[in-house]
Amino acid sequence: MYVQRDDHRVGLVRLLTIALRILIALEGVVRQNLEKQKRELSGLYAGNPKRRTNQPTAERLLEAVSEVTLTIVRASGFLQRHITPLSSLQLDILALLEFTPAIYLQLTNDSSFPSGK
């Protein structure tokens, strides 16, 4: 990537550092909870869904939740939101991250998005 200005270079490095910290935290929390529960996670490997691991990578975890779609339909005086249901693997990952499914379902909450425009 070609960046000309110094402030852009600094900003890019900071952004990448934040992203790396998030990936490390994501991995760490899931691995720690798997170790506490003395279990393994299966379903992360597309070619081998029965393969189990107690040390999943952040990339595999994010790939598992990438198949989520939020659809917003707007018409005059009408606003409808729909979100795809979570699979059992996605629910398991949320639980390992110590989140409830309610945080996901809030994406369809009317107060989450402005209703105008």
Protein backbone atom coordinates (compact mmCIF):
# COMPACT_ATOMS: atom_id res chain seq x y z
CA MET A 1 0.00 0.00 0.00
CA TYR A 2 1.35 3.40 -0.96
CA VAL A 3 0.82 6.12 1.63
CA GLN A 4 2.33 9.56 1.07
CA ARG A 5 1.63 11.53 4.24
CA ASP A 6 3.20 10.80 7.61
CA ASP A 7 -0.08 11.24 9.47
CA HIS A 8 -1.65 8.62 7.20
CA ARG A 9 1.21 6.20 7.98
CA VAL A 10 0.79 6.78 11.72
CA GLY A 11 -2.98 6.35 11.45
CA LEU A 12 -2.64 3.14 9.45
CA VAL A 13 -0.18 1.65 11.95
CA ARG A 14 -2.49 2.58 14.84
CA LEU A 15 -5.51 1.09 13.09
CA LEU A 16 -3.66 -2.15 12.37
CA THR A 17 -2.43 -2.30 15.97
CA ILE A 18 -6.00 -1.97 17.25
CA ALA A 19 -7.17 -4.69 14.85
CA LEU A 20 -4.37 -7.01 16.01
CA ARG A 21 -5.24 -6.42 19.66
CA ILE A 22 -8.88 -7.27 18.96
CA LEU A 23 -7.89 -10.50 17.20
CA ILE A 24 -5.60 -11.49 20.09
CA ALA A 25 -8.32 -10.72 22.67
CA LEU A 26 -10.92 -12.68 20.66
CA GLU A 27 -8.66 -15.73 20.47
CA GLY A 28 -7.61 -15.45 24.08
CA VAL A 29 -11.12 -15.26 25.53
CA VAL A 30 -12.40 -18.21 23.49
CA ARG A 31 -9.35 -20.37 24.23
CA GLN A 32 -9.48 -19.53 27.93
CA ASN A 33 -13.17 -20.43 28.17
CA LEU A 34 -12.64 -23.66 26.24
CA GLU A 35 -9.85 -24.57 28.66
CA LYS A 36 -12.02 -23.72 31.70
CA GLN A 37 -14.82 -25.89 30.35
CA LYS A 38 -12.35 -28.64 29.36
CA ARG A 39 -13.85 -29.04 25.92
CA GLU A 40 -13.16 -28.51 22.23
CA LEU A 41 -14.96 -26.63 19.49
CA SER A 42 -16.00 -28.39 16.29
CA GLY A 43 -17.41 -27.07 13.03
CA LEU A 44 -14.75 -24.47 12.28
CA TYR A 45 -13.12 -26.36 9.42
CA ALA A 46 -15.16 -26.34 6.19
CA GLY A 47 -13.55 -29.48 4.74
CA ASN A 48 -13.80 -31.39 7.99
CA PRO A 49 -16.75 -30.22 10.12
CA LYS A 50 -16.16 -32.87 12.80
CA ARG A 51 -12.59 -31.75 13.42
CA ARG A 52 -12.26 -30.41 16.95
CA THR A 53 -9.87 -27.89 18.46
CA ASN A 54 -9.32 -26.26 21.82
CA GLN A 55 -7.16 -23.53 20.23
CA PRO A 56 -9.23 -21.95 17.46
CA THR A 57 -7.72 -19.02 15.59
CA ALA A 58 -9.45 -15.65 15.41
CA GLU A 59 -9.62 -16.01 11.64
CA ARG A 60 -11.58 -19.29 11.91
CA LEU A 61 -13.90 -17.82 14.54
CA LEU A 62 -14.63 -14.77 12.39
CA GLU A 63 -15.12 -16.93 9.32
CA ALA A 64 -17.73 -18.95 11.22
CA VAL A 65 -19.80 -15.83 11.94
CA SER A 66 -19.33 -14.22 8.51
CA GLU A 67 -22.51 -15.77 7.09
CA VAL A 68 -24.82 -13.27 8.78
CA THR A 69 -27.14 -10.98 6.84
CA LEU A 70 -29.15 -8.03 8.10
CA THR A 71 -31.84 -6.93 5.65
CA ILE A 72 -33.60 -3.59 5.99
CA VAL A 73 -36.63 -2.89 3.83
CA ARG A 74 -37.90 0.69 3.69
CA ALA A 75 -41.03 1.93 2.05
CA SER A 76 -43.14 4.98 2.70
CA GLY A 77 -44.18 4.73 6.34
CA PHE A 78 -42.82 1.18 6.61
CA LEU A 79 -39.56 -0.18 7.98
CA GLN A 80 -38.85 -3.90 8.36
CA ARG A 81 -35.64 -5.54 9.59
CA HIS A 82 -34.69 -9.20 9.33
CA ILE A 83 -31.54 -10.95 10.48
CA THR A 84 -30.53 -14.50 9.67
CA PRO A 85 -30.82 -16.91 12.61
CA LEU A 86 -27.60 -18.01 14.28
CA SER A 87 -26.34 -21.56 13.82
CA SER A 88 -25.46 -23.69 16.82
CA LEU A 89 -21.75 -23.03 16.14
CA GLN A 90 -22.34 -19.27 16.07
CA LEU A 91 -24.33 -19.45 19.32
CA ASP A 92 -21.51 -21.48 20.85
CA ILE A 93 -18.93 -18.88 19.79
CA LEU A 94 -21.06 -16.09 21.27
CA ALA A 95 -21.27 -18.03 24.55
CA LEU A 96 -17.52 -18.59 24.58
CA LEU A 97 -17.07 -14.84 24.10
CA GLU A 98 -19.40 -14.38 27.08
CA PHE A 99 -22.10 -12.65 25.03
CA THR A 100 -25.78 -13.52 25.03
CA PRO A 101 -27.75 -14.01 21.80
CA ALA A 102 -29.72 -10.88 22.79
CA ILE A 103 -26.81 -8.71 21.67
CA TYR A 104 -27.20 -10.17 18.18
CA LEU A 105 -30.98 -9.88 18.15
CA GLN A 106 -30.74 -6.19 19.08
CA LEU A 107 -29.67 -5.53 15.50
CA THR A 108 -33.35 -5.76 14.56
CA ASN A 109 -34.46 -3.44 17.35
CA ASP A 110 -36.18 -0.29 16.04
CA SER A 111 -34.20 1.93 18.39
CA SER A 112 -30.89 0.73 16.90
CA PHE A 113 -31.39 2.54 13.60
CA PRO A 114 -32.82 5.93 12.73
CA SER A 115 -36.26 5.46 11.20
CA GLY A 116 -36.18 8.64 9.14
CA LYS A 117 -34.82 9.24 5.64
